[in-house]
PDB file of N, CA and C in Angstrom:
ATOM      1  N   MET A   1      -2.881  13.280   6.684  1.00  0.00           N
ATOM      2  CA  MET A   1      -2.749  13.113   5.549  1.00  0.00           C
ATOM      3  C   MET A   1      -2.244  11.988   4.887  1.00  0.00           C
ATOM      4  N   CYS A   2      -2.770  11.420   4.170  1.00  0.00           N
ATOM      5  CA  CYS A   2      -1.791  10.200   3.192  1.00  0.00           C
ATOM      6  C   CYS A   2      -2.106  10.361   1.997  1.00  0.00           C
ATOM      7  N   GLY A   3      -1.463   9.758   1.027  1.00  0.00           N
ATOM      8  CA  GLY A   3      -0.665   9.592  -0.501  1.00  0.00           C
ATOM      9  C   GLY A   3      -1.209   8.272  -1.304  1.00  0.00           C
ATOM     10  N   ILE A   4      -2.224   8.246  -1.693  1.00  0.00           N
ATOM     11  CA  ILE A   4      -2.401   7.236  -2.288  1.00  0.00           C
ATOM     12  C   ILE A   4      -2.339   7.391  -3.929  1.00  0.00           C
ATOM     13  N   VAL A   5      -1.947   6.411  -4.545  1.00  0.00           N
ATOM     14  CA  VAL A   5      -1.226   6.012  -6.155  1.00  0.00           C
ATOM     15  C   VAL A   5      -1.978   4.123  -6.167  1.00  0.00           C
ATOM     16  N   THR A   6      -2.339   4.496  -8.099  1.00  0.00           N
ATOM     17  CA  THR A   6      -3.084   2.856  -8.455  1.00  0.00           C
ATOM     18  C   THR A   6      -2.458   3.144  -9.721  1.00  0.00           C
ATOM     19  N   TYR A   7      -2.511   2.092 -10.496  1.00  0.00           N
ATOM     20  CA  TYR A   7      -1.729   2.020 -11.398  1.00  0.00           C
ATOM     21  C   TYR A   7      -2.751   0.638 -12.211  1.00  0.00           C
ATOM     22  N   LEU A   8      -3.550   0.841 -13.138  1.00  0.00           N
ATOM     23  CA  LEU A   8      -3.609  -0.561 -14.353  1.00  0.00           C
ATOM     24  C   LEU A   8      -3.397  -0.211 -15.822  1.00  0.00           C
ATOM     25  N   GLY A   9      -2.586  -0.732 -16.353  1.00  0.00           N
ATOM     26  CA  GLY A   9      -2.629  -0.334 -17.440  1.00  0.00           C
ATOM     27  C   GLY A   9      -1.214  -1.534 -18.086  1.00  0.00           C
ATOM     28  N   LYS A  10      -0.643  -0.987 -19.079  1.00  0.00           N
ATOM     29  CA  LYS A  10       0.282  -2.337 -19.936  1.00  0.00           C
ATOM     30  C   LYS A  10       1.651  -1.911 -19.466  1.00  0.00           C
ATOM     31  N   GLN A  11       2.206  -1.033 -18.651  1.00  0.00           N
ATOM     32  CA  GLN A  11       3.463  -1.009 -17.587  1.00  0.00           C
ATOM     33  C   GLN A  11       3.755  -1.678 -17.034  1.00  0.00           C
ATOM     34  N   GLN A  12       4.900  -2.374 -16.207  1.00  0.00           N
ATOM     35  CA  GLN A  12       4.945  -2.655 -14.953  1.00  0.00           C
ATOM     36  C   GLN A  12       4.597  -1.730 -14.529  1.00  0.00           C
ATOM     37  N   ALA A  13       3.983  -2.075 -13.326  1.00  0.00           N
ATOM     38  CA  ALA A  13       3.303  -1.044 -12.237  1.00  0.00           C
ATOM     39  C   ALA A  13       4.173  -0.711 -11.455  1.00  0.00           C
ATOM     40  N   LEU A  14       5.188  -0.992 -10.613  1.00  0.00           N
ATOM     41  CA  LEU A  14       5.966  -1.174  -9.612  1.00  0.00           C
ATOM     42  C   LEU A  14       6.802   0.416  -9.751  1.00  0.00           C
ATOM     43  N   PRO A  15       7.624   0.780 -10.801  1.00  0.00           N
ATOM     44  CA  PRO A  15       7.994   1.587 -11.187  1.00  0.00           C
ATOM     45  C   PRO A  15       7.218   2.653 -10.595  1.00  0.00           C
ATOM     46  N   LEU A  16       6.163   2.726 -11.581  1.00  0.00           N
ATOM     47  CA  LEU A  16       4.507   3.854 -11.636  1.00  0.00           C
ATOM     48  C   LEU A  16       4.507   4.073 -10.299  1.00  0.00           C
ATOM     49  N   LEU A  17       4.104   3.188  -9.592  1.00  0.00           N
ATOM     50  CA  LEU A  17       3.682   3.396  -8.192  1.00  0.00           C
ATOM     51  C   LEU A  17       4.788   3.765  -6.846  1.00  0.00           C
ATOM     52  N   LEU A  18       6.200   3.204  -7.149  1.00  0.00           N
ATOM     53  CA  LEU A  18       7.196   3.820  -6.039  1.00  0.00           C
ATOM     54  C   LEU A  18       7.532   5.435  -6.250  1.00  0.00           C
ATOM     55  N   GLU A  19       7.559   6.006  -7.898  1.00  0.00           N
ATOM     56  CA  GLU A  19       7.385   7.229  -8.233  1.00  0.00           C
ATOM     57  C   GLU A  19       6.541   8.245  -7.477  1.00  0.00           C
ATOM     58  N   GLY A  20       4.688   7.778  -7.731  1.00  0.00           N
ATOM     59  CA  GLY A  20       3.734   8.270  -6.752  1.00  0.00           C
ATOM     60  C   GLY A  20       3.836   8.060  -5.799  1.00  0.00           C
ATOM     61  N   LEU A  21       4.489   7.613  -5.367  1.00  0.00           N
ATOM     62  CA  LEU A  21       4.879   8.011  -3.744  1.00  0.00           C
ATOM     63  C   LEU A  21       5.726   8.597  -3.219  1.00  0.00           C
ATOM     64  N   ARG A  22       6.734   8.824  -4.352  1.00  0.00           N
ATOM     65  CA  ARG A  22       7.896   9.670  -4.325  1.00  0.00           C
ATOM     66  C   ARG A  22       7.320  11.043  -4.547  1.00  0.00           C
ATOM     67  N   ARG A  23       6.762  11.268  -5.000  1.00  0.00           N
ATOM     68  CA  ARG A  23       5.913  12.518  -5.256  1.00  0.00           C
ATOM     69  C   ARG A  23       4.753  13.064  -4.107  1.00  0.00           C
ATOM     70  N   LEU A  24       4.497  11.796  -3.642  1.00  0.00           N
ATOM     71  CA  LEU A  24       3.197  12.278  -2.461  1.00  0.00           C
ATOM     72  C   LEU A  24       3.649  11.938  -0.873  1.00  0.00           C
ATOM     73  N   GLU A  25       5.120  11.859  -0.939  1.00  0.00           N
ATOM     74  CA  GLU A  25       5.910  11.420   0.495  1.00  0.00           C
ATOM     75  C   GLU A  25       5.568  12.915   1.187  1.00  0.00           C
ATOM     76  N   TYR A  26       5.368  14.184   0.748  1.00  0.00           N
ATOM     77  CA  TYR A  26       5.006  15.180   2.028  1.00  0.00           C
ATOM     78  C   TYR A  26       3.703  14.863   2.309  1.00  0.00           C
ATOM     79  N   ARG A  27       2.429  14.153   2.320  1.00  0.00           N
ATOM     80  CA  ARG A  27       1.070  13.792   2.563  1.00  0.00           C
ATOM     81  C   ARG A  27       1.245  12.715   3.704  1.00  0.00           C
ATOM     82  N   GLY A  28       2.707  11.951   3.882  1.00  0.00           N
ATOM     83  CA  GLY A  28       2.683  11.141   4.557  1.00  0.00           C
ATOM     84  C   GLY A  28       3.964   9.698   4.520  1.00  0.00           C
ATOM     85  N   TYR A  29       4.749  10.474   5.456  1.00  0.00           N
ATOM     86  CA  TYR A  29       6.213   9.325   6.146  1.00  0.00           C
ATOM     87  C   TYR A  29       6.402   8.305   7.099  1.00  0.00           C
ATOM     88  N   ASP A  30       5.273   8.138   7.490  1.00  0.00           N
ATOM     89  CA  ASP A  30       5.184   7.534   8.669  1.00  0.00           C
ATOM     90  C   ASP A  30       5.453   6.122   8.509  1.00  0.00           C
ATOM     91  N   SER A  31       5.084   6.011   7.223  1.00  0.00           N
ATOM     92  CA  SER A  31       4.863   4.096   6.451  1.00  0.00           C
ATOM     93  C   SER A  31       4.557   4.279   5.337  1.00  0.00           C
ATOM     94  N   ALA A  32       4.304   3.151   4.666  1.00  0.00           N
ATOM     95  CA  ALA A  32       4.308   3.041   3.057  1.00  0.00           C
ATOM     96  C   ALA A  32       3.891   1.676   2.803  1.00  0.00           C
ATOM     97  N   GLY A  33       3.006   1.699   1.401  1.00  0.00           N
ATOM     98  CA  GLY A  33       2.936   0.093   1.563  1.00  0.00           C
ATOM     99  C   GLY A  33       2.452  -0.167  -0.198  1.00  0.00           C
ATOM    100  N   ILE A  34       3.327  -1.593  -0.430  1.00  0.00           N
ATOM    101  CA  ILE A  34       2.768  -1.641  -2.167  1.00  0.00           C
ATOM    102  C   ILE A  34       1.818  -2.857  -2.488  1.00  0.00           C
ATOM    103  N   ALA A  35       1.276  -2.546  -3.039  1.00  0.00           N
ATOM    104  CA  ALA A  35      -0.029  -4.707  -3.217  1.00  0.00           C
ATOM    105  C   ALA A  35       0.129  -4.388  -5.143  1.00  0.00           C
ATOM    106  N   VAL A  36       1.032  -5.607  -5.452  1.00  0.00           N
ATOM    107  CA  VAL A  36       1.053  -5.491  -7.307  1.00  0.00           C
ATOM    108  C   VAL A  36       0.309  -6.560  -7.540  1.00  0.00           C
ATOM    109  N   MET A  37      -0.677  -6.922  -8.319  1.00  0.00           N
ATOM    110  CA  MET A  37      -1.102  -8.236  -8.888  1.00  0.00           C
ATOM    111  C   MET A  37      -0.711  -8.299 -10.480  1.00  0.00           C
ATOM    112  N   ASP A  38      -0.609  -9.696 -11.061  1.00  0.00           N
ATOM    113  CA  ASP A  38      -0.710 -10.461 -12.137  1.00  0.00           C
ATOM    114  C   ASP A  38      -0.983 -10.948 -12.865  1.00  0.00           C
ATOM    115  N   GLY A  39      -2.424 -11.142 -11.837  1.00  0.00           N
ATOM    116  CA  GLY A  39      -2.939 -12.664 -12.367  1.00  0.00           C
ATOM    117  C   GLY A  39      -2.459 -14.210 -11.158  1.00  0.00           C
ATOM    118  N   LYS A  40      -1.343 -13.929 -10.649  1.00  0.00           N
ATOM    119  CA  LYS A  40      -0.751 -14.453  -9.285  1.00  0.00           C
ATOM    120  C   LYS A  40      -1.619 -14.616  -8.049  1.00  0.00           C
ATOM    121  N   PRO A  41      -0.923 -14.661  -6.551  1.00  0.00           N
ATOM    122  CA  PRO A  41      -1.207 -14.325  -5.508  1.00  0.00           C
ATOM    123  C   PRO A  41      -0.387 -12.922  -5.261  1.00  0.00           C
ATOM    124  N   ILE A  42      -1.515 -11.992  -5.010  1.00  0.00           N
ATOM    125  CA  ILE A  42      -0.649 -10.624  -4.934  1.00  0.00           C
ATOM    126  C   ILE A  42       0.000 -10.546  -3.973  1.00  0.00           C
ATOM    127  N   ARG A  43       1.227  -9.615  -4.349  1.00  0.00           N
ATOM    128  CA  ARG A  43       2.380  -9.556  -4.044  1.00  0.00           C
ATOM    129  C   ARG A  43       2.010  -8.059  -3.075  1.00  0.00           C
ATOM    130  N   LEU A  44       2.755  -8.487  -1.777  1.00  0.00           N
ATOM    131  CA  LEU A  44       2.513  -7.252  -0.850  1.00  0.00           C
ATOM    132  C   LEU A  44       3.654  -6.730  -0.202  1.00  0.00           C
ATOM    133  N   MET A  45       3.775  -5.580   0.555  1.00  0.00           N
ATOM    134  CA  MET A  45       5.137  -5.090   0.657  1.00  0.00           C
ATOM    135  C   MET A  45       4.879  -3.514   1.576  1.00  0.00           C
ATOM    136  N   LYS A  46       5.220  -3.924   3.106  1.00  0.00           N
ATOM    137  CA  LYS A  46       4.717  -2.628   3.432  1.00  0.00           C
ATOM    138  C   LYS A  46       5.872  -2.338   4.817  1.00  0.00           C
ATOM    139  N   SER A  47       6.475  -1.249   5.473  1.00  0.00           N
ATOM    140  CA  SER A  47       7.524  -0.579   5.906  1.00  0.00           C
ATOM    141  C   SER A  47       6.901   0.575   6.933  1.00  0.00           C
ATOM    142  N   ALA A  48       7.427   0.520   7.556  1.00  0.00           N
ATOM    143  CA  ALA A  48       7.569   1.812   8.639  1.00  0.00           C
ATOM    144  C   ALA A  48       8.732   2.706   8.229  1.00  0.00           C
ATOM    145  N   GLY A  49       9.020   3.911   8.559  1.00  0.00           N
ATOM    146  CA  GLY A  49       9.433   4.732   8.135  1.00  0.00           C
ATOM    147  C   GLY A  49       8.969   5.146   6.574  1.00  0.00           C
ATOM    148  N   LYS A  50       9.959   5.840   5.861  1.00  0.00           N
ATOM    149  CA  LYS A  50       9.891   6.287   4.761  1.00  0.00           C
ATOM    150  C   LYS A  50      10.002   5.862   3.145  1.00  0.00           C
ATOM    151  N   ILE A  51      10.152   6.038   2.067  1.00  0.00           N
ATOM    152  CA  ILE A  51       9.642   5.501   1.425  1.00  0.00           C
ATOM    153  C   ILE A  51      10.698   4.871   0.393  1.00  0.00           C
ATOM    154  N   SER A  52      11.936   5.435   0.660  1.00  0.00           N
ATOM    155  CA  SER A  52      13.253   4.679   0.525  1.00  0.00           C
ATOM    156  C   SER A  52      13.609   3.716   1.305  1.00  0.00           C
ATOM    157  N   GLU A  53      13.051   3.204   2.677  1.00  0.00           N
ATOM    158  CA  GLU A  53      12.654   2.602   3.364  1.00  0.00           C
ATOM    159  C   GLU A  53      11.723   1.029   2.801  1.00  0.00           C
ATOM    160  N   LEU A  54      10.708   0.975   2.159  1.00  0.00           N
ATOM    161  CA  LEU A  54       9.918   0.087   1.215  1.00  0.00           C
ATOM    162  C   LEU A  54      10.631  -0.259   0.427  1.00  0.00           C
ATOM    163  N   GLU A  55      10.889   0.802  -0.484  1.00  0.00           N
ATOM    164  CA  GLU A  55      11.879   0.806  -2.281  1.00  0.00           C
ATOM    165  C   GLU A  55      13.113  -0.606  -1.459  1.00  0.00           C
ATOM    166  N   ALA A  56      14.193   0.151  -0.604  1.00  0.00           N
ATOM    167  CA  ALA A  56      15.022  -1.037  -0.277  1.00  0.00           C
ATOM    168  C   ALA A  56      14.601  -2.529   0.208  1.00  0.00           C
ATOM    169  N   ARG A  57      12.926  -2.683   0.473  1.00  0.00           N
ATOM    170  CA  ARG A  57      12.947  -4.163   0.832  1.00  0.00           C
ATOM    171  C   ARG A  57      12.287  -4.854  -0.478  1.00  0.00           C
ATOM    172  N   ILE A  58      12.368  -4.362  -1.474  1.00  0.00           N
ATOM    173  CA  ILE A  58      11.374  -4.653  -2.585  1.00  0.00           C
ATOM    174  C   ILE A  58      12.169  -5.619  -3.713  1.00  0.00           C
ATOM    175  N   ASP A  59      12.118  -6.925  -4.025  1.00  0.00           N
ATOM    176  CA  ASP A  59      12.430  -7.194  -5.106  1.00  0.00           C
ATOM    177  C   ASP A  59      11.692  -6.542  -6.769  1.00  0.00           C
ATOM    178  N   PRO A  60      12.265  -6.138  -7.389  1.00  0.00           N
ATOM    179  CA  PRO A  60      11.575  -5.706  -8.349  1.00  0.00           C
ATOM    180  C   PRO A  60      10.880  -7.402  -9.370  1.00  0.00           C
ATOM    181  N   VAL A  61      11.539  -8.159  -9.034  1.00  0.00           N
ATOM    182  CA  VAL A  61      11.610  -9.476  -9.733  1.00  0.00           C
ATOM    183  C   VAL A  61      10.166 -10.144  -9.350  1.00  0.00           C
ATOM    184  N   LYS A  62      10.217  -9.752  -8.355  1.00  0.00           N
ATOM    185  CA  LYS A  62       8.900 -10.675  -7.292  1.00  0.00           C
ATOM    186  C   LYS A  62       7.628  -9.358  -7.267  1.00  0.00           C
ATOM    187  N   PHE A  63       8.115  -8.254  -7.688  1.00  0.00           N
ATOM    188  CA  PHE A  63       6.914  -7.789  -7.930  1.00  0.00           C
ATOM    189  C   PHE A  63       7.037  -7.197  -9.640  1.00  0.00           C
ATOM    190  N   GLU A  64       6.289  -7.777 -10.205  1.00  0.00           N
ATOM    191  CA  GLU A  64       6.449  -7.586 -11.382  1.00  0.00           C
ATOM    192  C   GLU A  64       4.796  -7.839 -12.119  1.00  0.00           C
ATOM    193  N   GLY A  65       4.673  -7.144 -12.414  1.00  0.00           N
ATOM    194  CA  GLY A  65       2.776  -6.832 -12.265  1.00  0.00           C
ATOM    195  C   GLY A  65       2.079  -5.536 -13.309  1.00  0.00           C
ATOM    196  N   THR A  66       1.039  -5.737 -13.687  1.00  0.00           N
ATOM    197  CA  THR A  66       0.862  -4.280 -14.509  1.00  0.00           C
ATOM    198  C   THR A  66      -0.524  -3.724 -14.023  1.00  0.00           C
ATOM    199  N   ALA A  67      -0.852  -3.982 -12.579  1.00  0.00           N
ATOM    200  CA  ALA A  67      -1.966  -3.246 -11.916  1.00  0.00           C
ATOM    201  C   ALA A  67      -1.354  -3.152 -10.034  1.00  0.00           C
ATOM    202  N   GLY A  68      -1.694  -2.137  -9.346  1.00  0.00           N
ATOM    203  CA  GLY A  68      -1.381  -1.743  -8.425  1.00  0.00           C
ATOM    204  C   GLY A  68      -2.031  -0.699  -7.229  1.00  0.00           C
ATOM    205  N   ILE A  69      -1.316  -0.742  -5.979  1.00  0.00           N
ATOM    206  CA  ILE A  69      -2.025   0.498  -5.770  1.00  0.00           C
ATOM    207  C   ILE A  69      -0.975   0.074  -4.295  1.00  0.00           C
ATOM    208  N   ALA A  70      -0.737   1.859  -4.186  1.00  0.00           N
ATOM    209  CA  ALA A  70       0.427   1.826  -3.254  1.00  0.00           C
ATOM    210  C   ALA A  70      -0.241   3.460  -2.238  1.00  0.00           C
ATOM    211  N   HIS A  71       0.160   3.374  -1.202  1.00  0.00           N
ATOM    212  CA  HIS A  71       0.087   4.112  -0.054  1.00  0.00           C
ATOM    213  C   HIS A  71       0.950   4.803   0.693  1.00  0.00           C
ATOM    214  N   THR A  72       1.119   6.130   1.099  1.00  0.00           N
ATOM    215  CA  THR A  72       2.000   6.457   1.893  1.00  0.00           C
ATOM    216  C   THR A  72       0.924   7.239   3.205  1.00  0.00           C
ATOM    217  N   ARG A  73       1.796   7.238   4.462  1.00  0.00           N
ATOM    218  CA  ARG A  73       1.184   6.876   5.603  1.00  0.00           C
ATOM    219  C   ARG A  73       1.286   8.102   6.662  1.00  0.00           C
ATOM    220  N   TRP A  74       0.521   8.949   7.180  1.00  0.00           N
ATOM    221  CA  TRP A  74       1.298  10.203   8.127  1.00  0.00           C
ATOM    222  C   TRP A  74       0.255   9.507   9.455  1.00  0.00           C
ATOM    223  N   ALA A  75       0.060   9.371  10.422  1.00  0.00           N
ATOM    224  CA  ALA A  75      -0.320   8.858  11.321  1.00  0.00           C
ATOM    225  C   ALA A  75      -1.056   9.327  12.025  1.00  0.00           C
ATOM    226  N   THR A  76      -2.141   9.292  12.088  1.00  0.00           N
ATOM    227  CA  THR A  76      -2.681  10.301  12.945  1.00  0.00           C
ATOM    228  C   THR A  76      -3.341   9.524  14.103  1.00  0.00           C
ATOM    229  N   HIS A  77      -4.533   8.071  13.958  1.00  0.00           N
ATOM    230  CA  HIS A  77      -4.473   6.802  14.787  1.00  0.00           C
ATOM    231  C   HIS A  77      -3.902   5.804  14.677  1.00  0.00           C
ATOM    232  N   GLY A  78      -3.099   5.325  15.713  1.00  0.00           N
ATOM    233  CA  GLY A  78      -2.382   4.075  15.497  1.00  0.00           C
ATOM    234  C   GLY A  78      -0.995   4.199  15.390  1.00  0.00           C
ATOM    235  N   LYS A  79      -0.081   3.851  15.970  1.00  0.00           N
ATOM    236  CA  LYS A  79       1.155   3.448  15.800  1.00  0.00           C
ATOM    237  C   LYS A  79       1.495   3.795  14.211  1.00  0.00           C
ATOM    238  N   PRO A  80       2.797   4.309  14.245  1.00  0.00           N
ATOM    239  CA  PRO A  80       3.696   4.312  12.664  1.00  0.00           C
ATOM    240  C   PRO A  80       4.394   2.913  12.399  1.00  0.00           C
ATOM    241  N   ASN A  81       4.135   2.164  12.395  1.00  0.00           N
ATOM    242  CA  ASN A  81       4.790   0.691  12.394  1.00  0.00           C
ATOM    243  C   ASN A  81       3.906  -0.092  10.892  1.00  0.00           C
ATOM    244  N   GLU A  82       4.653  -0.783  10.849  1.00  0.00           N
ATOM    245  CA  GLU A  82       4.309  -1.946   9.486  1.00  0.00           C
ATOM    246  C   GLU A  82       3.068  -2.368   9.572  1.00  0.00           C
ATOM    247  N   ALA A  83       2.515  -2.746  10.768  1.00  0.00           N
ATOM    248  CA  ALA A  83       1.014  -3.618  10.930  1.00  0.00           C
ATOM    249  C   ALA A  83      -0.151  -2.562  11.031  1.00  0.00           C
ATOM    250  N   ASN A  84       0.176  -1.306  10.005  1.00  0.00           N
ATOM    251  CA  ASN A  84      -0.645  -0.448  10.502  1.00  0.00           C
ATOM    252  C   ASN A  84      -0.687   0.332   8.826  1.00  0.00           C
ATOM    253  N   ALA A  85       0.431   0.311   8.704  1.00  0.00           N
ATOM    254  CA  ALA A  85       0.505   0.757   7.416  1.00  0.00           C
ATOM    255  C   ALA A  85      -0.341   0.003   5.939  1.00  0.00           C
ATOM    256  N   HIS A  86      -0.462   0.792   5.105  1.00  0.00           N
ATOM    257  CA  HIS A  86      -1.550   0.020   3.649  1.00  0.00           C
ATOM    258  C   HIS A  86      -0.475  -0.348   2.968  1.00  0.00           C
ATOM    259  N   PRO A  87      -1.026  -1.536   2.199  1.00  0.00           N
ATOM    260  CA  PRO A  87      -2.598  -1.588   2.169  1.00  0.00           C
ATOM    261  C   PRO A  87      -2.680  -2.474   2.954  1.00  0.00           C
ATOM    262  N   HIS A  88      -4.135  -2.421   3.626  1.00  0.00           N
ATOM    263  CA  HIS A  88      -4.800  -3.633   4.689  1.00  0.00           C
ATOM    264  C   HIS A  88      -5.005  -4.580   3.700  1.00  0.00           C
ATOM    265  N   PHE A  89      -5.330  -5.631   4.543  1.00  0.00           N
ATOM    266  CA  PHE A  89      -6.449  -6.815   3.467  1.00  0.00           C
ATOM    267  C   PHE A  89      -7.351  -7.661   4.162  1.00  0.00           C
ATOM    268  N   CYS A  90      -8.012  -8.598   3.607  1.00  0.00           N
ATOM    269  CA  CYS A  90      -9.219  -8.811   4.277  1.00  0.00           C
ATOM    270  C   CYS A  90      -8.105 -10.953   4.726  1.00  0.00           C
ATOM    271  N   CYS A  91      -8.368 -11.348   5.575  1.00  0.00           N
ATOM    272  CA  CYS A  91      -8.056 -12.661   6.215  1.00  0.00           C
ATOM    273  C   CYS A  91      -7.564 -13.855   4.828  1.00  0.00           C
ATOM    274  N   GLN A  92      -8.516 -13.766   3.718  1.00  0.00           N
ATOM    275  CA  GLN A  92      -7.701 -14.475   2.678  1.00  0.00           C
ATOM    276  C   GLN A  92      -7.042 -14.055   1.629  1.00  0.00           C
ATOM    277  N   LYS A  93      -6.274 -12.898   2.161  1.00  0.00           N
ATOM    278  CA  LYS A  93      -6.050 -11.815   1.039  1.00  0.00           C
ATOM    279  C   LYS A  93      -6.172 -11.831  -0.502  1.00  0.00           C
ATOM    280  N   LYS A  94      -7.671 -11.920  -0.205  1.00  0.00           N
ATOM    281  CA  LYS A  94      -7.948 -11.761  -2.041  1.00  0.00           C
ATOM    282  C   LYS A  94      -8.599  -9.877  -1.871  1.00  0.00           C
ATOM    283  N   ILE A  95      -8.499  -9.022  -1.151  1.00  0.00           N
ATOM    284  CA  ILE A  95      -9.265  -8.438  -0.988  1.00  0.00           C
ATOM    285  C   ILE A  95      -7.827  -6.948  -0.640  1.00  0.00           C
ATOM    286  N   PHE A  96      -7.792  -6.194  -1.003  1.00  0.00           N
ATOM    287  CA  PHE A  96      -6.853  -5.179  -0.325  1.00  0.00           C
ATOM    288  C   PHE A  96      -7.050  -3.777  -1.190  1.00  0.00           C
ATOM    289  N   LEU A  97      -6.629  -2.784   0.306  1.00  0.00           N
ATOM    290  CA  LEU A  97      -7.536  -1.843  -0.035  1.00  0.00           C
ATOM    291  C   LEU A  97      -6.822  -0.603   1.274  1.00  0.00           C
ATOM    292  N   VAL A  98      -6.413   0.167   0.167  1.00  0.00           N
ATOM    293  CA  VAL A  98      -5.759   1.569   0.962  1.00  0.00           C
ATOM    294  C   VAL A  98      -7.252   2.791   0.990  1.00  0.00           C
ATOM    295  N   HIS A  99      -6.849   3.589   1.920  1.00  0.00           N
ATOM    296  CA  HIS A  99      -7.699   4.478   2.207  1.00  0.00           C
ATOM    297  C   HIS A  99      -7.090   5.585   3.495  1.00  0.00           C
ATOM    298  N   ASN A 100      -7.938   7.094   3.023  1.00  0.00           N
ATOM    299  CA  ASN A 100      -7.509   8.037   4.202  1.00  0.00           C
ATOM    300  C   ASN A 100      -8.406   8.441   5.061  1.00  0.00           C
ATOM    301  N   GLY A 101      -7.798   8.581   6.553  1.00  0.00           N
ATOM    302  CA  GLY A 101      -8.701   8.796   7.269  1.00  0.00           C
ATOM    303  C   GLY A 101      -8.860   7.567   8.186  1.00  0.00           C
ATOM    304  N   ILE A 102     -10.137   7.828   9.230  1.00  0.00           N
ATOM    305  CA  ILE A 102     -10.416   6.488   9.638  1.00  0.00           C
ATOM    306  C   ILE A 102     -11.534   6.206   9.505  1.00  0.00           C
ATOM    307  N   ILE A 103     -11.849   4.505   9.395  1.00  0.00           N
ATOM    308  CA  ILE A 103     -13.233   4.100   8.443  1.00  0.00           C
ATOM    309  C   ILE A 103     -13.721   3.691   9.958  1.00  0.00           C
ATOM    310  N   GLU A 104     -14.812   4.551  10.374  1.00  0.00           N
ATOM    311  CA  GLU A 104     -15.720   3.953  11.944  1.00  0.00           C
ATOM    312  C   GLU A 104     -16.361   3.028  11.919  1.00  0.00           C
ATOM    313  N   ASN A 105     -17.271   2.182  11.172  1.00  0.00           N
ATOM    314  CA  ASN A 105     -17.693   1.651  10.975  1.00  0.00           C
ATOM    315  C   ASN A 105     -17.455   0.033  10.572  1.00  0.00           C
ATOM    316  N   TYR A 106     -15.737   0.294  10.896  1.00  0.00           N
ATOM    317  CA  TYR A 106     -15.198  -0.919  10.327  1.00  0.00           C
ATOM    318  C   TYR A 106     -15.582  -2.108  10.919  1.00  0.00           C
ATOM    319  N   LEU A 107     -15.844  -2.235  12.224  1.00  0.00           N
ATOM    320  CA  LEU A 107     -16.207  -3.921  12.284  1.00  0.00           C
ATOM    321  C   LEU A 107     -17.644  -3.995  12.050  1.00  0.00           C
ATOM    322  N   PRO A 108     -17.672  -3.593  11.708  1.00  0.00           N
ATOM    323  CA  PRO A 108     -19.567  -4.348  10.645  1.00  0.00           C
ATOM    324  C   PRO A 108     -18.948  -4.260   9.108  1.00  0.00           C
ATOM    325  N   LEU A 109     -18.055  -3.714   8.814  1.00  0.00           N
ATOM    326  CA  LEU A 109     -17.474  -4.211   7.558  1.00  0.00           C
ATOM    327  C   LEU A 109     -16.330  -5.604   7.773  1.00  0.00           C
ATOM    328  N   LEU A 110     -15.513  -5.677   8.437  1.00  0.00           N
ATOM    329  CA  LEU A 110     -14.869  -7.038   9.311  1.00  0.00           C
ATOM    330  C   LEU A 110     -15.791  -7.684   9.117  1.00  0.00           C
ATOM    331  N   ARG A 111     -16.833  -8.127   9.747  1.00  0.00           N
ATOM    332  CA  ARG A 111     -17.764  -9.067  10.102  1.00  0.00           C
ATOM    333  C   ARG A 111     -18.263  -9.359   8.405  1.00  0.00           C
ATOM    334  N   GLU A 112     -18.317  -8.529   7.887  1.00  0.00           N
ATOM    335  CA  GLU A 112     -19.390  -8.731   6.656  1.00  0.00           C
ATOM    336  C   GLU A 112     -18.058  -9.527   5.371  1.00  0.00           C
ATOM    337  N   LEU A 113     -16.939  -9.063   5.711  1.00  0.00           N
ATOM    338  CA  LEU A 113     -15.809  -9.628   4.734  1.00  0.00           C
ATOM    339  C   LEU A 113     -15.814 -11.336   5.302  1.00  0.00           C
TER     340      LEU A 113
END
């Protein structure tokens, strides 16, 4: 299982995303991550462990923005570490995504990106 949260609106996304992750932590407690945007380069933070560990690493001033995605992971494949935490992103860091489950056709998708 995993927990996925997204926000797009007028309020600051970070507090809402973190609250959503806290409410979904029972769905995944191995790692967590957040990506927030506001027209500047997207800010990303990922962490192994519980959501409180992710939250401790985030500087709220650097994560201002009114749109974002967040994910908490229960590792079924791959180690529960920062590298496997979501959001995942393309090489140019223009596309960020979270998902639940295994993406079986990841190689064709990766080549397309």
